[in-house]
Amino acid sequence: MSHRYHFISGLPRSGSTLLAAILRQNPNFYAGMSSPVGALFSGLLGQVSAGSEWGPVVTVEQRRRLLTGLFENYYADKSDTTVVFDTNRLWCAKLPAILDLFPDAKIIACVRNVAWIMDSIERLYRGNPYENTLLFNDDVERNTVYSRVDTLAQRNRLVGFSWSALKEAFYGEQAASLLVVDYELLAQAPDKVLPLIYSFLGETPFEHNYTQVEYDAPEFDNNLGLSGLHRIRPKVALERRATVLPPDLFEQYANMCFWQDGRDSRANVISAKPV
C-alpha cells in the first residue's frame, strides 16, 4: 500500500524518540528511532547524480522514482498503518528533495537548548565509563569534557550538523512545512502539544496515554557504547537537574536557540517562550 509520509528531525537529545514513542500509540501511525533511510537516500542519490559514473544516464524522473521506491520498499511491511514518520537529523537539510517527492509531507523538528543537549550527551558518556563510545574518533576527541563538547559542536558532527541543518530549514523556502517543537514544552505539557502537532499534520486527533509510553533500543545503544540513549521513561515529565558541565562551557552553548525569534522565518514553532 502507499503510505502518507511525515518526517521527524531536528536536534539530538531533544525529544524525537519521545515524540515517536507517543505517536506510535496511534494504530494508524508508524514511528520509531532514527532509521537508515536517510543514509540510504544520500547513498543512492550519490550513485545516480553528478560525479557518479551513472549520473549522465539516470534522468531526474528516474531518480525521483528510485528515491520514492526506497521509502515504499523499506516500509512495505508496515501495511497495517497509513502514516509513516521517518526519523533522521538529515531531513532538515533535504527539504527541497523530500517535499518534491512528497508534497504533502510535514517535518517536525525537535529542539532543545544546546547547552542541555551537551549536558545530556555528557551524562550518557559518563554513565558508560568502560566504553569508548563511537561518538568520538580517538582519545584526542574524548580526552576531556571540553574536547568532547567541542567535537560534538563541529559542523559535521552530531550536534553541529543537526543545528546547522535545522537553521537551513528554518530560514529556507520550505519553512512553512516545518514545525519546531521545544522539548521542555513537550515534556511538561504533552496533552497540549500533541493536539497542535495533529492540527499541523492535518491528521485525525487521537487520545494518547502519557503515563504509559514505551520505547527502548538496547542493542543499538550498546553497539554505540551509549547504553540508555533511546530509553524512554513510561511517564512523560520534565526532569529538573543541575548541569554536569563546567559553568563556562554551559554558558558557551546556552544562547543558540535561534528558533525563539521567528521574525525572518515562515516556520511554525511550539515553544516554551514567545516567538
C-alpha atoms as a PDB file:
ATOM      1  CA  MET A   1       0.000   0.000   0.000  1.00  0.00           C
ATOM      2  CA  SER A   2       1.063   3.618  -0.418  1.00  0.00           C
ATOM      3  CA  HIS A   3       1.710   5.467   2.833  1.00  0.00           C
ATOM      4  CA  ARG A   4       1.479   9.103   3.747  1.00  0.00           C
ATOM      5  CA  TYR A   5       4.896  10.285   4.937  1.00  0.00           C
ATOM      6  CA  HIS A   6       5.900  12.778   7.570  1.00  0.00           C
ATOM      7  CA  PHE A   7       9.369  13.299   8.989  1.00  0.00           C
ATOM      8  CA  ILE A   8      10.876  13.798  12.445  1.00  0.00           C
ATOM      9  CA  SER A   9      14.155  15.649  12.509  1.00  0.00           C
ATOM     10  CA  GLY A  10      15.900  18.403  14.482  1.00  0.00           C
ATOM     11  CA  LEU A  11      18.465  18.260  17.266  1.00  0.00           C
ATOM     12  CA  PRO A  12      19.695  15.163  19.149  1.00  0.00           C
ATOM     13  CA  ARG A  13      18.577  14.573  22.760  1.00  0.00           C
ATOM     14  CA  SER A  14      15.606  16.862  22.130  1.00  0.00           C
ATOM     15  CA  GLY A  15      12.620  14.526  22.271  1.00  0.00           C
ATOM     16  CA  SER A  16      12.491  12.904  18.839  1.00  0.00           C
ATOM     17  CA  THR A  17      12.415   9.375  20.312  1.00  0.00           C
ATOM     18  CA  LEU A  18       9.903  10.501  22.940  1.00  0.00           C
ATOM     19  CA  LEU A  19       7.667  12.017  20.269  1.00  0.00           C
ATOM     20  CA  ALA A  20       7.907   8.873  18.129  1.00  0.00           C
ATOM     21  CA  ALA A  21       7.066   6.712  21.159  1.00  0.00           C
ATOM     22  CA  ILE A  22       3.944   8.786  21.767  1.00  0.00           C
ATOM     23  CA  LEU A  23       2.857   8.896  18.123  1.00  0.00           C
ATOM     24  CA  ARG A  24       3.211   5.135  17.674  1.00  0.00           C
ATOM     25  CA  GLN A  25       0.397   4.636  20.195  1.00  0.00           C
ATOM     26  CA  ASN A  26      -1.894   5.648  17.344  1.00  0.00           C
ATOM     27  CA  PRO A  27      -2.621   2.404  15.426  1.00  0.00           C
ATOM     28  CA  ASN A  28      -2.668   4.325  12.141  1.00  0.00           C
ATOM     29  CA  PHE A  29       0.890   5.590  12.663  1.00  0.00           C
ATOM     30  CA  TYR A  30       4.323   4.042  12.466  1.00  0.00           C
ATOM     31  CA  ALA A  31       7.157   5.930  14.146  1.00  0.00           C
ATOM     32  CA  GLY A  32      10.477   4.933  15.679  1.00  0.00           C
ATOM     33  CA  MET A  33      14.046   5.971  16.379  1.00  0.00           C
ATOM     34  CA  SER A  34      16.352   7.194  13.603  1.00  0.00           C
ATOM     35  CA  SER A  35      16.099   4.910  10.584  1.00  0.00           C
ATOM     36  CA  PRO A  36      18.715   4.103   7.916  1.00  0.00           C
ATOM     37  CA  VAL A  37      16.515   5.583   5.186  1.00  0.00           C
ATOM     38  CA  GLY A  38      18.337   8.920   5.333  1.00  0.00           C
ATOM     39  CA  ALA A  39      21.719   7.273   4.773  1.00  0.00           C
ATOM     40  CA  LEU A  40      20.276   5.090   2.000  1.00  0.00           C
ATOM     41  CA  PHE A  41      18.727   8.196   0.424  1.00  0.00           C
ATOM     42  CA  SER A  42      22.070  10.019   0.362  1.00  0.00           C
ATOM     43  CA  GLY A  43      23.943   6.946  -0.862  1.00  0.00           C
ATOM     44  CA  LEU A  44      21.507   6.247  -3.680  1.00  0.00           C
ATOM     45  CA  LEU A  45      21.474   9.864  -4.786  1.00  0.00           C
ATOM     46  CA  GLY A  46      25.261   9.883  -4.805  1.00  0.00           C
ATOM     47  CA  GLN A  47      25.290   6.904  -7.164  1.00  0.00           C
ATOM     48  CA  VAL A  48      22.981   8.468  -9.767  1.00  0.00           C
ATOM     49  CA  SER A  49      23.873  12.173  -9.767  1.00  0.00           C
ATOM     50  CA  ALA A  50      26.772  14.422 -10.809  1.00  0.00           C
ATOM     51  CA  GLY A  51      30.222  12.941 -10.167  1.00  0.00           C
ATOM     52  CA  SER A  52      28.974   9.380 -10.479  1.00  0.00           C
ATOM     53  CA  GLU A  53      29.643   7.037 -13.370  1.00  0.00           C
ATOM     54  CA  TRP A  54      25.882   6.641 -13.756  1.00  0.00           C
ATOM     55  CA  GLY A  55      24.876  10.271 -13.325  1.00  0.00           C
ATOM     56  CA  PRO A  56      24.727  11.039 -17.067  1.00  0.00           C
ATOM     57  CA  VAL A  57      22.429   8.095 -17.855  1.00  0.00           C
ATOM     58  CA  VAL A  58      19.902   8.374 -14.994  1.00  0.00           C
ATOM     59  CA  THR A  59      17.270  11.033 -15.594  1.00  0.00           C
ATOM     60  CA  VAL A  60      15.791  13.264 -12.905  1.00  0.00           C
ATOM     61  CA  GLU A  61      12.477  11.430 -13.225  1.00  0.00           C
ATOM     62  CA  GLN A  62      14.229   8.085 -12.743  1.00  0.00           C
ATOM     63  CA  ARG A  63      15.941   9.482  -9.650  1.00  0.00           C
ATOM     64  CA  ARG A  64      12.576  10.526  -8.260  1.00  0.00           C
ATOM     65  CA  ARG A  65      11.153   7.046  -8.843  1.00  0.00           C
ATOM     66  CA  LEU A  66      14.163   5.358  -7.268  1.00  0.00           C
ATOM     67  CA  LEU A  67      14.024   7.534  -4.147  1.00  0.00           C
ATOM     68  CA  THR A  68      10.250   7.207  -3.796  1.00  0.00           C
ATOM     69  CA  GLY A  69      10.621   3.451  -4.149  1.00  0.00           C
ATOM     70  CA  LEU A  70      13.226   3.460  -1.399  1.00  0.00           C
ATOM     71  CA  PHE A  71      10.624   4.640   1.105  1.00  0.00           C
ATOM     72  CA  GLU A  72       7.876   2.358  -0.147  1.00  0.00           C
ATOM     73  CA  ASN A  73      10.099  -0.708  -0.125  1.00  0.00           C
ATOM     74  CA  TYR A  74      11.657  -0.013   3.257  1.00  0.00           C
ATOM     75  CA  TYR A  75       8.247   0.436   4.871  1.00  0.00           C
ATOM     76  CA  ALA A  76       6.405  -2.220   2.838  1.00  0.00           C
ATOM     77  CA  ASP A  77       5.936  -4.375   5.956  1.00  0.00           C
ATOM     78  CA  LYS A  78       4.032  -1.554   7.708  1.00  0.00           C
ATOM     79  CA  SER A  79       0.887  -2.285   5.723  1.00  0.00           C
ATOM     80  CA  ASP A  80      -1.246  -2.067   8.878  1.00  0.00           C
ATOM     81  CA  THR A  81      -0.531   1.674   9.137  1.00  0.00           C
ATOM     82  CA  THR A  82      -1.456   4.548   6.860  1.00  0.00           C
ATOM     83  CA  VAL A  83       1.047   7.154   8.070  1.00  0.00           C
ATOM     84  CA  VAL A  84       4.804   6.678   8.417  1.00  0.00           C
ATOM     85  CA  PHE A  85       7.070   9.038  10.353  1.00  0.00           C
ATOM     86  CA  ASP A  86      10.689   8.566   9.329  1.00  0.00           C
ATOM     87  CA  THR A  87      13.188   9.966  11.802  1.00  0.00           C
ATOM     88  CA  ASN A  88      16.580  11.305  10.772  1.00  0.00           C
ATOM     89  CA  ARG A  89      18.510  14.508  11.531  1.00  0.00           C
ATOM     90  CA  LEU A  90      19.426  14.622   7.840  1.00  0.00           C
ATOM     91  CA  TRP A  91      15.924  15.553   6.686  1.00  0.00           C
ATOM     92  CA  CYS A  92      16.188  19.209   7.686  1.00  0.00           C
ATOM     93  CA  ALA A  93      18.988  19.504   5.110  1.00  0.00           C
ATOM     94  CA  LYS A  94      16.939  17.707   2.420  1.00  0.00           C
ATOM     95  CA  LEU A  95      13.654  19.615   2.399  1.00  0.00           C
ATOM     96  CA  PRO A  96      13.698  20.509  -1.332  1.00  0.00           C
ATOM     97  CA  ALA A  97      14.016  16.834  -2.264  1.00  0.00           C
ATOM     98  CA  ILE A  98      11.603  15.271   0.213  1.00  0.00           C
ATOM     99  CA  LEU A  99       8.916  17.880  -0.424  1.00  0.00           C
ATOM    100  CA  ASP A 100       9.285  17.338  -4.166  1.00  0.00           C
ATOM    101  CA  LEU A 101       8.797  13.596  -3.617  1.00  0.00           C
ATOM    102  CA  PHE A 102       6.045  14.017  -1.004  1.00  0.00           C
ATOM    103  CA  PRO A 103       4.434  17.461  -1.443  1.00  0.00           C
ATOM    104  CA  ASP A 104       2.011  16.982   1.465  1.00  0.00           C
ATOM    105  CA  ALA A 105       4.677  15.834   3.917  1.00  0.00           C
ATOM    106  CA  LYS A 106       5.363  17.756   7.116  1.00  0.00           C
ATOM    107  CA  ILE A 107       8.625  17.902   9.052  1.00  0.00           C
ATOM    108  CA  ILE A 108       8.632  18.024  12.845  1.00  0.00           C
ATOM    109  CA  ALA A 109      11.918  19.340  14.218  1.00  0.00           C
ATOM    110  CA  CYS A 110      12.531  18.634  17.901  1.00  0.00           C
ATOM    111  CA  VAL A 111      14.685  21.254  19.616  1.00  0.00           C
ATOM    112  CA  ARG A 112      16.234  21.988  22.996  1.00  0.00           C
ATOM    113  CA  ASN A 113      18.665  24.473  24.486  1.00  0.00           C
ATOM    114  CA  VAL A 114      22.012  23.342  23.047  1.00  0.00           C
ATOM    115  CA  ALA A 115      23.749  23.554  26.433  1.00  0.00           C
ATOM    116  CA  TRP A 116      21.287  20.997  27.826  1.00  0.00           C
ATOM    117  CA  ILE A 117      21.819  18.796  24.768  1.00  0.00           C
ATOM    118  CA  MET A 118      25.546  18.773  25.518  1.00  0.00           C
ATOM    119  CA  ASP A 119      24.762  18.072  29.171  1.00  0.00           C
ATOM    120  CA  SER A 120      22.542  15.123  28.227  1.00  0.00           C
ATOM    121  CA  ILE A 121      25.156  13.555  25.958  1.00  0.00           C
ATOM    122  CA  GLU A 122      27.883  14.088  28.546  1.00  0.00           C
ATOM    123  CA  ARG A 123      25.724  12.352  31.164  1.00  0.00           C
ATOM    124  CA  LEU A 124      25.331   9.357  28.876  1.00  0.00           C
ATOM    125  CA  TYR A 125      29.083   9.300  28.245  1.00  0.00           C
ATOM    126  CA  ARG A 126      29.830   9.359  31.970  1.00  0.00           C
ATOM    127  CA  GLY A 127      27.199   6.700  32.559  1.00  0.00           C
ATOM    128  CA  ASN A 128      29.183   4.314  30.322  1.00  0.00           C
ATOM    129  CA  PRO A 129      32.732   4.795  31.689  1.00  0.00           C
ATOM    130  CA  TYR A 130      34.033   1.471  30.353  1.00  0.00           C
ATOM    131  CA  GLU A 131      33.074   2.175  26.741  1.00  0.00           C
ATOM    132  CA  ASN A 132      34.846   4.187  24.053  1.00  0.00           C
ATOM    133  CA  THR A 133      31.613   5.463  22.567  1.00  0.00           C
ATOM    134  CA  LEU A 134      31.520   5.706  18.788  1.00  0.00           C
ATOM    135  CA  LEU A 135      30.571   9.381  19.031  1.00  0.00           C
ATOM    136  CA  PHE A 136      34.291  10.129  19.173  1.00  0.00           C
ATOM    137  CA  ASN A 137      37.001   9.008  16.761  1.00  0.00           C
ATOM    138  CA  ASP A 138      40.010   8.922  19.070  1.00  0.00           C
ATOM    139  CA  ASP A 139      41.400   9.788  22.500  1.00  0.00           C
ATOM    140  CA  VAL A 140      42.110  13.364  21.452  1.00  0.00           C
ATOM    141  CA  GLU A 141      38.390  13.955  20.940  1.00  0.00           C
ATOM    142  CA  ARG A 142      37.254  12.119  24.049  1.00  0.00           C
ATOM    143  CA  ASN A 143      40.012  13.306  26.441  1.00  0.00           C
ATOM    144  CA  THR A 144      38.026  15.843  28.496  1.00  0.00           C
ATOM    145  CA  VAL A 145      34.553  17.329  28.698  1.00  0.00           C
ATOM    146  CA  TYR A 146      35.874  20.335  26.755  1.00  0.00           C
ATOM    147  CA  SER A 147      37.208  18.273  23.856  1.00  0.00           C
ATOM    148  CA  ARG A 148      34.079  16.106  23.839  1.00  0.00           C
ATOM    149  CA  VAL A 149      31.654  19.023  23.715  1.00  0.00           C
ATOM    150  CA  ASP A 150      33.697  20.977  21.169  1.00  0.00           C
ATOM    151  CA  THR A 151      33.902  17.880  18.957  1.00  0.00           C
ATOM    152  CA  LEU A 152      30.131  17.388  19.060  1.00  0.00           C
ATOM    153  CA  ALA A 153      29.651  21.046  18.100  1.00  0.00           C
ATOM    154  CA  GLN A 154      31.660  20.843  14.864  1.00  0.00           C
ATOM    155  CA  ARG A 155      29.533  21.454  11.755  1.00  0.00           C
ATOM    156  CA  ASN A 156      29.934  17.875  10.515  1.00  0.00           C
ATOM    157  CA  ARG A 157      29.365  16.142  13.858  1.00  0.00           C
ATOM    158  CA  LEU A 158      26.345  15.056  15.892  1.00  0.00           C
ATOM    159  CA  VAL A 159      25.167  18.366  17.353  1.00  0.00           C
ATOM    160  CA  GLY A 160      26.794  20.859  15.000  1.00  0.00           C
ATOM    161  CA  PHE A 161      25.438  19.208  11.860  1.00  0.00           C
ATOM    162  CA  SER A 162      21.882  18.897  13.137  1.00  0.00           C
ATOM    163  CA  TRP A 163      21.893  22.511  14.395  1.00  0.00           C
ATOM    164  CA  SER A 164      23.164  23.779  11.017  1.00  0.00           C
ATOM    165  CA  ALA A 165      20.658  21.656   9.081  1.00  0.00           C
ATOM    166  CA  LEU A 166      17.795  22.897  11.239  1.00  0.00           C
ATOM    167  CA  LYS A 167      18.848  26.513  10.747  1.00  0.00           C
ATOM    168  CA  GLU A 168      18.939  25.958   6.975  1.00  0.00           C
ATOM    169  CA  ALA A 169      15.397  24.565   7.062  1.00  0.00           C
ATOM    170  CA  PHE A 170      14.117  27.239   9.454  1.00  0.00           C
ATOM    171  CA  TYR A 171      15.128  30.078   7.118  1.00  0.00           C
ATOM    172  CA  GLY A 172      14.641  28.212   3.849  1.00  0.00           C
ATOM    173  CA  GLU A 173      11.964  28.367   1.162  1.00  0.00           C
ATOM    174  CA  GLN A 174      10.148  25.288   2.523  1.00  0.00           C
ATOM    175  CA  ALA A 175       9.965  26.533   6.139  1.00  0.00           C
ATOM    176  CA  ALA A 176       6.153  26.592   6.094  1.00  0.00           C
ATOM    177  CA  SER A 177       6.239  22.769   6.082  1.00  0.00           C
ATOM    178  CA  LEU A 178       8.383  22.749   9.232  1.00  0.00           C
ATOM    179  CA  LEU A 179       7.078  22.547  12.812  1.00  0.00           C
ATOM    180  CA  VAL A 180       9.631  23.219  15.562  1.00  0.00           C
ATOM    181  CA  VAL A 181       8.718  21.549  18.871  1.00  0.00           C
ATOM    182  CA  ASP A 182      10.501  22.573  22.053  1.00  0.00           C
ATOM    183  CA  TYR A 183      11.468  19.595  24.227  1.00  0.00           C
ATOM    184  CA  GLU A 184      10.697  21.302  27.525  1.00  0.00           C
ATOM    185  CA  LEU A 185       7.156  22.125  26.475  1.00  0.00           C
ATOM    186  CA  LEU A 186       6.594  18.629  25.067  1.00  0.00           C
ATOM    187  CA  ALA A 187       7.810  17.052  28.317  1.00  0.00           C
ATOM    188  CA  GLN A 188       5.844  19.417  30.563  1.00  0.00           C
ATOM    189  CA  ALA A 189       2.558  19.538  28.661  1.00  0.00           C
ATOM    190  CA  PRO A 190       2.251  16.704  26.103  1.00  0.00           C
ATOM    191  CA  ASP A 191      -1.540  16.933  26.325  1.00  0.00           C
ATOM    192  CA  LYS A 192      -1.312  20.484  24.973  1.00  0.00           C
ATOM    193  CA  VAL A 193       1.443  19.902  22.423  1.00  0.00           C
ATOM    194  CA  LEU A 194       0.162  16.739  20.701  1.00  0.00           C
ATOM    195  CA  PRO A 195      -3.162  18.286  19.553  1.00  0.00           C
ATOM    196  CA  LEU A 196      -1.164  21.135  17.990  1.00  0.00           C
ATOM    197  CA  ILE A 197       1.029  18.607  16.191  1.00  0.00           C
ATOM    198  CA  TYR A 198      -2.014  16.740  14.866  1.00  0.00           C
ATOM    199  CA  SER A 199      -3.509  20.026  13.651  1.00  0.00           C
ATOM    200  CA  PHE A 200      -0.280  20.915  11.833  1.00  0.00           C
ATOM    201  CA  LEU A 201      -0.122  17.477  10.224  1.00  0.00           C
ATOM    202  CA  GLY A 202      -3.782  17.542   9.216  1.00  0.00           C
ATOM    203  CA  GLU A 203      -4.262  14.124  10.810  1.00  0.00           C
ATOM    204  CA  THR A 204      -7.273  12.930  12.818  1.00  0.00           C
ATOM    205  CA  PRO A 205      -6.749  13.541  16.571  1.00  0.00           C
ATOM    206  CA  PHE A 206      -6.035  10.571  18.839  1.00  0.00           C
ATOM    207  CA  GLU A 207      -6.270  10.145  22.623  1.00  0.00           C
ATOM    208  CA  HIS A 208      -2.732   9.357  23.805  1.00  0.00           C
ATOM    209  CA  ASN A 209      -1.636   7.917  27.149  1.00  0.00           C
ATOM    210  CA  TYR A 210       1.200   9.999  28.619  1.00  0.00           C
ATOM    211  CA  THR A 211       1.803   7.762  31.631  1.00  0.00           C
ATOM    212  CA  GLN A 212       2.478   4.540  29.711  1.00  0.00           C
ATOM    213  CA  VAL A 213       4.902   5.494  26.965  1.00  0.00           C
ATOM    214  CA  GLU A 214       7.227   2.701  25.846  1.00  0.00           C
ATOM    215  CA  TYR A 215      10.426   2.667  23.800  1.00  0.00           C
ATOM    216  CA  ASP A 216      13.906   1.211  24.121  1.00  0.00           C
ATOM    217  CA  ALA A 217      16.625   0.064  21.707  1.00  0.00           C
ATOM    218  CA  PRO A 218      19.288  -1.572  23.923  1.00  0.00           C
ATOM    219  CA  GLU A 219      21.129  -3.466  21.177  1.00  0.00           C
ATOM    220  CA  PHE A 220      21.513  -0.349  19.034  1.00  0.00           C
ATOM    221  CA  ASP A 221      22.563   1.783  22.011  1.00  0.00           C
ATOM    222  CA  ASN A 222      25.059  -0.759  23.321  1.00  0.00           C
ATOM    223  CA  ASN A 223      26.636  -1.011  19.880  1.00  0.00           C
ATOM    224  CA  LEU A 224      27.312   2.747  20.075  1.00  0.00           C
ATOM    225  CA  GLY A 225      28.689   2.409  23.591  1.00  0.00           C
ATOM    226  CA  LEU A 226      25.880   4.622  24.931  1.00  0.00           C
ATOM    227  CA  SER A 227      23.545   2.456  26.960  1.00  0.00           C
ATOM    228  CA  GLY A 228      20.202   4.178  27.552  1.00  0.00           C
ATOM    229  CA  LEU A 229      20.425   6.514  24.557  1.00  0.00           C
ATOM    230  CA  HIS A 230      16.910   5.651  23.332  1.00  0.00           C
ATOM    231  CA  ARG A 231      15.320   4.511  26.600  1.00  0.00           C
ATOM    232  CA  ILE A 232      12.076   6.356  27.349  1.00  0.00           C
ATOM    233  CA  ARG A 233      10.607   6.626  30.836  1.00  0.00           C
ATOM    234  CA  PRO A 234       6.943   5.480  30.963  1.00  0.00           C
ATOM    235  CA  LYS A 235       5.603   8.797  32.285  1.00  0.00           C
ATOM    236  CA  VAL A 236       6.191  11.903  30.200  1.00  0.00           C
ATOM    237  CA  ALA A 237       7.647  14.548  32.513  1.00  0.00           C
ATOM    238  CA  LEU A 238      10.406  17.144  32.585  1.00  0.00           C
ATOM    239  CA  GLU A 239      13.299  16.220  34.863  1.00  0.00           C
ATOM    240  CA  ARG A 240      14.849  19.244  36.580  1.00  0.00           C
ATOM    241  CA  ARG A 241      18.531  18.880  37.447  1.00  0.00           C
ATOM    242  CA  ALA A 242      21.823  20.715  37.771  1.00  0.00           C
ATOM    243  CA  THR A 243      24.163  20.549  34.791  1.00  0.00           C
ATOM    244  CA  VAL A 244      27.271  18.366  34.837  1.00  0.00           C
ATOM    245  CA  LEU A 245      29.080  20.804  32.526  1.00  0.00           C
ATOM    246  CA  PRO A 246      31.552  23.377  33.864  1.00  0.00           C
ATOM    247  CA  PRO A 247      29.816  26.801  34.056  1.00  0.00           C
ATOM    248  CA  ASP A 248      31.885  28.386  31.282  1.00  0.00           C
ATOM    249  CA  LEU A 249      31.176  25.505  28.899  1.00  0.00           C
ATOM    250  CA  PHE A 250      27.453  25.535  29.646  1.00  0.00           C
ATOM    251  CA  GLU A 251      27.308  29.286  29.050  1.00  0.00           C
ATOM    252  CA  GLN A 252      29.170  28.918  25.744  1.00  0.00           C
ATOM    253  CA  TYR A 253      26.299  26.879  24.252  1.00  0.00           C
ATOM    254  CA  ALA A 254      23.315  28.283  26.135  1.00  0.00           C
ATOM    255  CA  ASN A 255      22.369  31.052  23.689  1.00  0.00           C
ATOM    256  CA  MET A 256      21.970  29.222  20.389  1.00  0.00           C
ATOM    257  CA  CYS A 257      18.159  28.964  20.296  1.00  0.00           C
ATOM    258  CA  PHE A 258      17.590  30.861  17.042  1.00  0.00           C
ATOM    259  CA  TRP A 259      14.084  29.354  16.693  1.00  0.00           C
ATOM    260  CA  GLN A 260      12.866  31.590  19.537  1.00  0.00           C
ATOM    261  CA  ASP A 261      12.980  34.536  17.126  1.00  0.00           C
ATOM    262  CA  GLY A 262      10.870  33.677  14.114  1.00  0.00           C
ATOM    263  CA  ARG A 263      10.611  37.124  12.539  1.00  0.00           C
ATOM    264  CA  ASP A 264      12.519  36.087   9.404  1.00  0.00           C
ATOM    265  CA  SER A 265      11.074  32.593   9.088  1.00  0.00           C
ATOM    266  CA  ARG A 266       7.816  31.027   7.895  1.00  0.00           C
ATOM    267  CA  ALA A 267       8.371  28.007  10.148  1.00  0.00           C
ATOM    268  CA  ASN A 268       5.771  27.027  12.735  1.00  0.00           C
ATOM    269  CA  VAL A 269       7.014  26.925  16.320  1.00  0.00           C
ATOM    270  CA  ILE A 270       5.682  25.342  19.517  1.00  0.00           C
ATOM    271  CA  SER A 271       7.966  26.842  22.111  1.00  0.00           C
ATOM    272  CA  ALA A 272       8.012  27.423  25.856  1.00  0.00           C
ATOM    273  CA  LYS A 273       8.933  31.041  25.114  1.00  0.00           C
ATOM    274  CA  PRO A 274       7.136  33.575  22.901  1.00  0.00           C
ATOM    275  CA  VAL A 275       8.420  33.659  19.337  1.00  0.00           C
END
